[in-house]
Amino acid sequence: RAEGEGGMLQNYDLAYNLATYLLASAEARDSSHRTIARNLLVHAERSALTVLDEEGKDGDELAELRALAESEARPIRCNLALADGLLGNETDATRACLALITKLSVKGDRTAGESDLLAVASSNLAFLRQDREKSLADVLKRLPPLG
């Protein structure tokens, strides 16, 4: 049940993984499963951003905590964009993927996690745009290199 995931799925990783499974599996053909996946991802993003205790932290510690929370939320947002696209909001989904791809592709020294995220965002964008392009290969040619 989408409404009950808050009490059942306190762990945002579990909510993210379940939503990703729903999007990647044959279950995603059913719009109700895509809606459940989207709701789980919204919950996961909110949880990832609020899981850290900011009380009593100084400026540097607070900045580090916020950066960590943001890095945890990025993959969630990437799949949230895919869910939105699958639910018909292709413009915002494409915009979100492109923003993430742009931000990560201009970064000089990406971590392995950032490179993985760039690959996922690129793949999600290619998937969302495949119906509007001549071929998936055409979409992939225009994406930035991952290395």
N, C-alpha and C. Protein backbone atom coordinates (compact mmCIF):
# COMPACT_ATOMS: atom_id res chain seq x y z
N ARG A 1 0.83 -1.20 0.00
CA ARG A 1 0.00 0.00 0.00
C ARG A 1 0.86 1.24 0.00
N ALA A 2 0.58 2.15 -0.89
CA ALA A 2 1.38 3.37 -1.00
C ALA A 2 1.22 4.26 0.23
N GLU A 3 0.02 4.35 0.79
CA GLU A 3 -0.21 5.24 1.91
C GLU A 3 0.48 4.75 3.18
N GLY A 4 0.70 3.47 3.32
CA GLY A 4 1.24 2.93 4.55
C GLY A 4 2.73 2.73 4.57
N GLU A 5 3.43 3.17 3.54
CA GLU A 5 4.86 2.89 3.51
C GLU A 5 5.62 3.66 4.57
N GLY A 6 5.10 4.77 5.08
CA GLY A 6 5.81 5.56 6.07
C GLY A 6 6.11 4.78 7.33
N GLY A 7 5.12 4.08 7.89
CA GLY A 7 5.35 3.30 9.09
C GLY A 7 6.13 2.03 8.81
N MET A 8 5.88 1.44 7.67
CA MET A 8 6.50 0.15 7.37
C MET A 8 7.93 0.31 6.86
N LEU A 9 8.21 1.38 6.13
CA LEU A 9 9.51 1.53 5.49
C LEU A 9 10.25 2.75 6.03
N GLN A 10 10.66 2.69 7.28
CA GLN A 10 11.41 3.78 7.87
C GLN A 10 12.77 3.93 7.20
N ASN A 11 13.33 2.83 6.73
CA ASN A 11 14.64 2.82 6.09
C ASN A 11 14.48 3.29 4.65
N TYR A 12 15.07 4.44 4.32
CA TYR A 12 14.90 4.97 2.97
C TYR A 12 15.57 4.10 1.92
N ASP A 13 16.62 3.36 2.29
CA ASP A 13 17.24 2.44 1.34
C ASP A 13 16.26 1.36 0.90
N LEU A 14 15.51 0.83 1.85
CA LEU A 14 14.52 -0.19 1.53
C LEU A 14 13.42 0.38 0.64
N ALA A 15 12.94 1.57 0.94
CA ALA A 15 11.92 2.20 0.11
C ALA A 15 12.45 2.44 -1.30
N TYR A 16 13.69 2.92 -1.40
CA TYR A 16 14.33 3.16 -2.70
C TYR A 16 14.47 1.86 -3.49
N ASN A 17 14.96 0.82 -2.83
CA ASN A 17 15.17 -0.46 -3.53
C ASN A 17 13.86 -1.08 -3.99
N LEU A 18 12.84 -1.03 -3.15
CA LEU A 18 11.54 -1.57 -3.54
C LEU A 18 10.96 -0.78 -4.71
N ALA A 19 11.06 0.54 -4.67
CA ALA A 19 10.55 1.37 -5.76
C ALA A 19 11.31 1.10 -7.05
N THR A 20 12.63 0.96 -6.95
CA THR A 20 13.44 0.67 -8.14
C THR A 20 13.04 -0.67 -8.74
N TYR A 21 12.82 -1.66 -7.88
CA TYR A 21 12.35 -2.97 -8.37
C TYR A 21 11.02 -2.82 -9.11
N LEU A 22 10.10 -2.06 -8.53
CA LEU A 22 8.80 -1.88 -9.17
C LEU A 22 8.93 -1.19 -10.52
N LEU A 23 9.86 -0.25 -10.64
CA LEU A 23 10.05 0.45 -11.91
C LEU A 23 10.75 -0.41 -12.95
N ALA A 24 11.66 -1.27 -12.50
CA ALA A 24 12.48 -2.05 -13.44
C ALA A 24 11.84 -3.38 -13.81
N SER A 25 10.88 -3.82 -13.07
CA SER A 25 10.29 -5.13 -13.32
C SER A 25 9.09 -5.02 -14.26
N ALA A 26 8.57 -6.14 -14.60
CA ALA A 26 7.37 -6.18 -15.43
C ALA A 26 6.20 -5.52 -14.72
N GLU A 27 6.29 -5.38 -13.40
CA GLU A 27 5.23 -4.73 -12.63
C GLU A 27 5.03 -3.29 -13.08
N ALA A 28 6.08 -2.67 -13.65
CA ALA A 28 5.99 -1.26 -14.04
C ALA A 28 5.01 -1.05 -15.19
N ARG A 29 4.61 -2.10 -15.82
CA ARG A 29 3.61 -1.95 -16.89
C ARG A 29 2.26 -1.52 -16.34
N ASP A 30 2.04 -1.77 -15.08
CA ASP A 30 0.79 -1.41 -14.42
C ASP A 30 0.97 -0.03 -13.78
N SER A 31 0.14 0.92 -14.16
CA SER A 31 0.31 2.29 -13.65
C SER A 31 0.17 2.37 -12.12
N SER A 32 -0.59 1.46 -11.53
CA SER A 32 -0.71 1.51 -10.07
C SER A 32 0.63 1.18 -9.41
N HIS A 33 1.42 0.29 -10.02
CA HIS A 33 2.75 -0.01 -9.47
C HIS A 33 3.71 1.16 -9.67
N ARG A 34 3.56 1.87 -10.78
CA ARG A 34 4.39 3.06 -11.00
C ARG A 34 4.05 4.13 -9.97
N THR A 35 2.78 4.26 -9.64
CA THR A 35 2.35 5.23 -8.64
C THR A 35 2.89 4.85 -7.26
N ILE A 36 2.82 3.58 -6.93
CA ILE A 36 3.37 3.10 -5.66
C ILE A 36 4.87 3.38 -5.62
N ALA A 37 5.56 3.08 -6.72
CA ALA A 37 7.01 3.33 -6.79
C ALA A 37 7.30 4.81 -6.58
N ARG A 38 6.53 5.68 -7.22
CA ARG A 38 6.75 7.12 -7.06
C ARG A 38 6.54 7.54 -5.62
N ASN A 39 5.48 7.06 -5.00
CA ASN A 39 5.21 7.41 -3.60
C ASN A 39 6.33 6.91 -2.68
N LEU A 40 6.84 5.72 -2.93
CA LEU A 40 7.97 5.20 -2.15
C LEU A 40 9.20 6.07 -2.33
N LEU A 41 9.45 6.53 -3.55
CA LEU A 41 10.62 7.37 -3.80
C LEU A 41 10.48 8.74 -3.15
N VAL A 42 9.30 9.30 -3.16
CA VAL A 42 9.08 10.58 -2.46
C VAL A 42 9.36 10.39 -0.97
N HIS A 43 8.86 9.30 -0.41
CA HIS A 43 9.10 8.98 1.01
C HIS A 43 10.60 8.79 1.26
N ALA A 44 11.27 8.06 0.37
CA ALA A 44 12.70 7.80 0.54
C ALA A 44 13.50 9.09 0.48
N GLU A 45 13.16 9.97 -0.45
CA GLU A 45 13.89 11.24 -0.56
C GLU A 45 13.71 12.07 0.71
N ARG A 46 12.48 12.17 1.17
CA ARG A 46 12.20 12.92 2.39
C ARG A 46 12.97 12.33 3.57
N SER A 47 12.97 11.02 3.68
CA SER A 47 13.68 10.35 4.78
C SER A 47 15.18 10.55 4.68
N ALA A 48 15.72 10.46 3.48
CA ALA A 48 17.16 10.64 3.30
C ALA A 48 17.60 12.04 3.70
N LEU A 49 16.76 13.01 3.43
CA LEU A 49 17.12 14.40 3.74
C LEU A 49 16.91 14.76 5.19
N THR A 50 16.12 13.99 5.92
CA THR A 50 15.84 14.31 7.32
C THR A 50 16.45 13.33 8.30
N VAL A 51 17.14 12.32 7.81
CA VAL A 51 17.65 11.27 8.69
C VAL A 51 18.80 11.75 9.57
N LEU A 52 19.48 12.79 9.15
CA LEU A 52 20.64 13.24 9.90
C LEU A 52 20.26 14.25 10.98
N ASP A 53 20.84 14.09 12.13
CA ASP A 53 20.57 14.98 13.26
C ASP A 53 21.46 16.21 13.13
N GLU A 54 20.84 17.37 12.92
CA GLU A 54 21.59 18.61 12.73
C GLU A 54 21.77 19.39 14.03
N GLU A 55 21.12 18.97 15.06
CA GLU A 55 21.13 19.72 16.31
C GLU A 55 22.53 19.73 16.93
N GLY A 56 22.98 20.92 17.35
CA GLY A 56 24.25 21.07 18.03
C GLY A 56 25.47 20.98 17.12
N LYS A 57 25.29 21.05 15.82
CA LYS A 57 26.42 20.97 14.89
C LYS A 57 26.88 22.37 14.51
N ASP A 58 28.20 22.52 14.32
CA ASP A 58 28.71 23.81 13.87
C ASP A 58 28.60 23.90 12.35
N GLY A 59 29.04 25.02 11.78
CA GLY A 59 28.90 25.28 10.35
C GLY A 59 29.50 24.21 9.46
N ASP A 60 30.75 23.80 9.78
CA ASP A 60 31.42 22.80 8.95
C ASP A 60 30.75 21.44 9.06
N GLU A 61 30.42 21.04 10.29
CA GLU A 61 29.74 19.75 10.49
C GLU A 61 28.38 19.74 9.81
N LEU A 62 27.68 20.84 9.91
CA LEU A 62 26.36 20.96 9.30
C LEU A 62 26.47 20.88 7.78
N ALA A 63 27.45 21.55 7.21
CA ALA A 63 27.65 21.50 5.76
C ALA A 63 27.98 20.08 5.31
N GLU A 64 28.79 19.38 6.09
CA GLU A 64 29.16 18.00 5.76
C GLU A 64 27.93 17.08 5.84
N LEU A 65 27.11 17.27 6.87
CA LEU A 65 25.89 16.47 7.00
C LEU A 65 24.92 16.72 5.85
N ARG A 66 24.79 17.97 5.48
CA ARG A 66 23.89 18.30 4.37
C ARG A 66 24.41 17.74 3.05
N ALA A 67 25.72 17.78 2.85
CA ALA A 67 26.30 17.20 1.63
C ALA A 67 26.08 15.69 1.59
N LEU A 68 26.21 15.04 2.73
CA LEU A 68 25.96 13.60 2.80
C LEU A 68 24.51 13.29 2.50
N ALA A 69 23.60 14.05 3.09
CA ALA A 69 22.17 13.84 2.84
C ALA A 69 21.85 14.07 1.36
N GLU A 70 22.44 15.08 0.78
CA GLU A 70 22.21 15.38 -0.63
C GLU A 70 22.73 14.25 -1.52
N SER A 71 23.89 13.70 -1.18
CA SER A 71 24.44 12.59 -1.98
C SER A 71 23.58 11.34 -1.85
N GLU A 72 22.94 11.17 -0.70
CA GLU A 72 22.02 10.04 -0.52
C GLU A 72 20.73 10.25 -1.32
N ALA A 73 20.32 11.51 -1.47
CA ALA A 73 19.06 11.81 -2.15
C ALA A 73 19.19 11.78 -3.68
N ARG A 74 20.38 11.98 -4.22
CA ARG A 74 20.53 12.05 -5.68
C ARG A 74 20.05 10.80 -6.42
N PRO A 75 20.46 9.59 -6.03
CA PRO A 75 19.96 8.41 -6.76
C PRO A 75 18.45 8.26 -6.64
N ILE A 76 17.92 8.68 -5.51
CA ILE A 76 16.47 8.62 -5.31
C ILE A 76 15.79 9.56 -6.30
N ARG A 77 16.32 10.76 -6.44
CA ARG A 77 15.75 11.74 -7.38
C ARG A 77 15.87 11.27 -8.82
N CYS A 78 16.94 10.58 -9.10
CA CYS A 78 17.14 10.05 -10.45
C CYS A 78 16.02 9.07 -10.81
N ASN A 79 15.70 8.17 -9.91
CA ASN A 79 14.63 7.21 -10.18
C ASN A 79 13.25 7.85 -10.02
N LEU A 80 13.16 8.89 -9.21
CA LEU A 80 11.91 9.63 -9.11
C LEU A 80 11.59 10.29 -10.45
N ALA A 81 12.61 10.79 -11.12
CA ALA A 81 12.41 11.36 -12.45
C ALA A 81 11.91 10.29 -13.42
N LEU A 82 12.48 9.10 -13.35
CA LEU A 82 12.01 8.01 -14.21
C LEU A 82 10.56 7.68 -13.91
N ALA A 83 10.21 7.58 -12.64
CA ALA A 83 8.82 7.30 -12.26
C ALA A 83 7.89 8.37 -12.79
N ASP A 84 8.28 9.64 -12.65
CA ASP A 84 7.46 10.73 -13.16
C ASP A 84 7.27 10.61 -14.67
N GLY A 85 8.35 10.28 -15.37
CA GLY A 85 8.26 10.11 -16.82
C GLY A 85 7.33 8.98 -17.20
N LEU A 86 7.43 7.87 -16.48
CA LEU A 86 6.56 6.73 -16.77
C LEU A 86 5.10 7.01 -16.45
N LEU A 87 4.88 7.97 -15.57
CA LEU A 87 3.51 8.37 -15.22
C LEU A 87 2.98 9.49 -16.11
N GLY A 88 3.78 9.89 -17.10
CA GLY A 88 3.31 10.87 -18.08
C GLY A 88 3.88 12.26 -17.96
N ASN A 89 4.67 12.54 -16.94
CA ASN A 89 5.26 13.87 -16.78
C ASN A 89 6.67 13.85 -17.38
N GLU A 90 6.73 13.64 -18.69
CA GLU A 90 8.01 13.47 -19.37
C GLU A 90 8.86 14.72 -19.39
N THR A 91 8.23 15.89 -19.48
CA THR A 91 9.00 17.13 -19.56
C THR A 91 9.82 17.35 -18.29
N ASP A 92 9.17 17.27 -17.13
CA ASP A 92 9.90 17.46 -15.87
C ASP A 92 10.89 16.34 -15.63
N ALA A 93 10.53 15.12 -16.01
CA ALA A 93 11.43 13.99 -15.82
C ALA A 93 12.69 14.16 -16.67
N THR A 94 12.52 14.57 -17.91
CA THR A 94 13.66 14.80 -18.79
C THR A 94 14.52 15.93 -18.26
N ARG A 95 13.87 17.00 -17.81
CA ARG A 95 14.60 18.14 -17.24
C ARG A 95 15.43 17.72 -16.02
N ALA A 96 14.85 16.89 -15.14
CA ALA A 96 15.56 16.44 -13.94
C ALA A 96 16.77 15.58 -14.32
N CYS A 97 16.59 14.68 -15.27
CA CYS A 97 17.72 13.84 -15.71
C CYS A 97 18.81 14.69 -16.33
N LEU A 98 18.43 15.62 -17.20
CA LEU A 98 19.42 16.49 -17.84
C LEU A 98 20.17 17.35 -16.82
N ALA A 99 19.47 17.84 -15.81
CA ALA A 99 20.13 18.66 -14.78
C ALA A 99 21.18 17.83 -14.04
N LEU A 100 20.82 16.61 -13.70
CA LEU A 100 21.76 15.74 -12.98
C LEU A 100 22.94 15.37 -13.87
N ILE A 101 22.67 15.05 -15.14
CA ILE A 101 23.74 14.70 -16.08
C ILE A 101 24.68 15.88 -16.26
N THR A 102 24.11 17.06 -16.43
CA THR A 102 24.94 18.26 -16.62
C THR A 102 25.81 18.53 -15.41
N LYS A 103 25.21 18.46 -14.23
CA LYS A 103 25.95 18.73 -13.00
C LYS A 103 27.11 17.74 -12.82
N LEU A 104 26.85 16.47 -13.09
CA LEU A 104 27.89 15.46 -12.89
C LEU A 104 28.91 15.42 -14.02
N SER A 105 28.49 15.73 -15.24
CA SER A 105 29.42 15.62 -16.36
C SER A 105 30.46 16.74 -16.37
N VAL A 106 30.15 17.89 -15.76
CA VAL A 106 31.13 18.98 -15.71
C VAL A 106 32.08 18.83 -14.53
N LYS A 107 31.74 17.94 -13.62
CA LYS A 107 32.59 17.74 -12.45
C LYS A 107 33.83 16.95 -12.87
N GLY A 108 34.98 17.47 -12.55
CA GLY A 108 36.23 16.86 -12.99
C GLY A 108 36.54 15.52 -12.36
N ASP A 109 36.57 15.46 -11.07
CA ASP A 109 36.98 14.23 -10.39
C ASP A 109 35.77 13.60 -9.68
N ARG A 110 35.04 12.79 -10.45
CA ARG A 110 33.85 12.13 -9.90
C ARG A 110 34.26 10.92 -9.08
N THR A 111 33.48 10.69 -8.04
CA THR A 111 33.65 9.45 -7.28
C THR A 111 33.03 8.32 -8.08
N ALA A 112 33.28 7.09 -7.66
CA ALA A 112 32.68 5.94 -8.33
C ALA A 112 31.15 6.01 -8.25
N GLY A 113 30.64 6.43 -7.11
CA GLY A 113 29.20 6.57 -6.94
C GLY A 113 28.62 7.62 -7.87
N GLU A 114 29.33 8.72 -8.05
CA GLU A 114 28.86 9.76 -8.97
C GLU A 114 28.90 9.29 -10.42
N SER A 115 29.93 8.51 -10.77
CA SER A 115 29.99 7.95 -12.13
C SER A 115 28.85 6.97 -12.36
N ASP A 116 28.55 6.16 -11.34
CA ASP A 116 27.41 5.24 -11.45
C ASP A 116 26.11 6.01 -11.60
N LEU A 117 25.96 7.07 -10.83
CA LEU A 117 24.75 7.88 -10.90
C LEU A 117 24.62 8.55 -12.27
N LEU A 118 25.73 9.00 -12.83
CA LEU A 118 25.72 9.59 -14.17
C LEU A 118 25.26 8.56 -15.19
N ALA A 119 25.73 7.33 -15.04
CA ALA A 119 25.31 6.27 -15.95
C ALA A 119 23.82 5.98 -15.83
N VAL A 120 23.31 5.94 -14.61
CA VAL A 120 21.89 5.68 -14.39
C VAL A 120 21.05 6.82 -14.94
N ALA A 121 21.43 8.06 -14.66
CA ALA A 121 20.68 9.21 -15.16
C ALA A 121 20.68 9.23 -16.69
N SER A 122 21.81 8.90 -17.29
CA SER A 122 21.90 8.84 -18.76
C SER A 122 21.01 7.74 -19.31
N SER A 123 21.02 6.60 -18.65
CA SER A 123 20.17 5.49 -19.07
C SER A 123 18.69 5.84 -18.93
N ASN A 124 18.33 6.48 -17.82
CA ASN A 124 16.94 6.89 -17.61
C ASN A 124 16.50 7.90 -18.68
N LEU A 125 17.39 8.83 -19.00
CA LEU A 125 17.07 9.82 -20.03
C LEU A 125 16.89 9.14 -21.39
N ALA A 126 17.77 8.23 -21.71
CA ALA A 126 17.65 7.51 -22.98
C ALA A 126 16.34 6.74 -23.03
N PHE A 127 15.98 6.12 -21.94
CA PHE A 127 14.73 5.37 -21.87
C PHE A 127 13.52 6.29 -22.06
N LEU A 128 13.55 7.44 -21.41
CA LEU A 128 12.43 8.39 -21.51
C LEU A 128 12.29 8.98 -22.90
N ARG A 129 13.39 9.12 -23.62
CA ARG A 129 13.37 9.79 -24.92
C ARG A 129 13.33 8.82 -26.08
N GLN A 130 13.33 7.53 -25.83
CA GLN A 130 13.46 6.57 -26.92
C GLN A 130 12.33 6.65 -27.94
N ASP A 131 11.14 7.04 -27.53
CA ASP A 131 10.02 7.12 -28.47
C ASP A 131 10.11 8.34 -29.38
N ARG A 132 10.84 9.37 -28.95
CA ARG A 132 10.93 10.60 -29.73
C ARG A 132 12.15 10.64 -30.64
N GLU A 133 13.04 9.72 -30.47
CA GLU A 133 14.27 9.70 -31.26
C GLU A 133 14.20 8.58 -32.29
N LYS A 134 15.09 8.64 -33.27
CA LYS A 134 15.13 7.60 -34.29
C LYS A 134 15.48 6.25 -33.69
N SER A 135 16.44 6.26 -32.77
CA SER A 135 16.83 5.02 -32.13
C SER A 135 17.47 5.33 -30.79
N LEU A 136 17.55 4.32 -29.97
CA LEU A 136 18.21 4.47 -28.68
C LEU A 136 19.68 4.84 -28.88
N ALA A 137 20.28 4.32 -29.91
CA ALA A 137 21.69 4.64 -30.19
C ALA A 137 21.86 6.14 -30.45
N ASP A 138 20.88 6.77 -31.13
CA ASP A 138 20.95 8.22 -31.37
C ASP A 138 20.94 9.00 -30.06
N VAL A 139 20.11 8.57 -29.13
CA VAL A 139 20.05 9.23 -27.83
C VAL A 139 21.37 9.07 -27.11
N LEU A 140 21.89 7.85 -27.09
CA LEU A 140 23.13 7.57 -26.35
C LEU A 140 24.32 8.32 -26.93
N LYS A 141 24.34 8.55 -28.24
CA LYS A 141 25.46 9.28 -28.86
C LYS A 141 25.58 10.70 -28.33
N ARG A 142 24.44 11.31 -27.96
CA ARG A 142 24.45 12.70 -27.52
C ARG A 142 24.73 12.87 -26.03
N LEU A 143 24.78 11.78 -25.29
CA LEU A 143 25.04 11.88 -23.86
C LEU A 143 26.53 12.04 -23.61
N PRO A 144 26.90 12.69 -22.51
CA PRO A 144 28.32 12.91 -22.21
C PRO A 144 29.01 11.59 -21.89
N PRO A 145 30.33 11.55 -22.11
CA PRO A 145 31.06 10.33 -21.76
C PRO A 145 31.05 10.11 -20.25
N LEU A 146 31.02 8.85 -19.86
CA LEU A 146 30.93 8.51 -18.44
C LEU A 146 32.27 8.44 -17.77
N GLY A 147 33.34 8.36 -18.50
CA GLY A 147 34.66 8.15 -17.92
C GLY A 147 35.38 9.36 -17.51
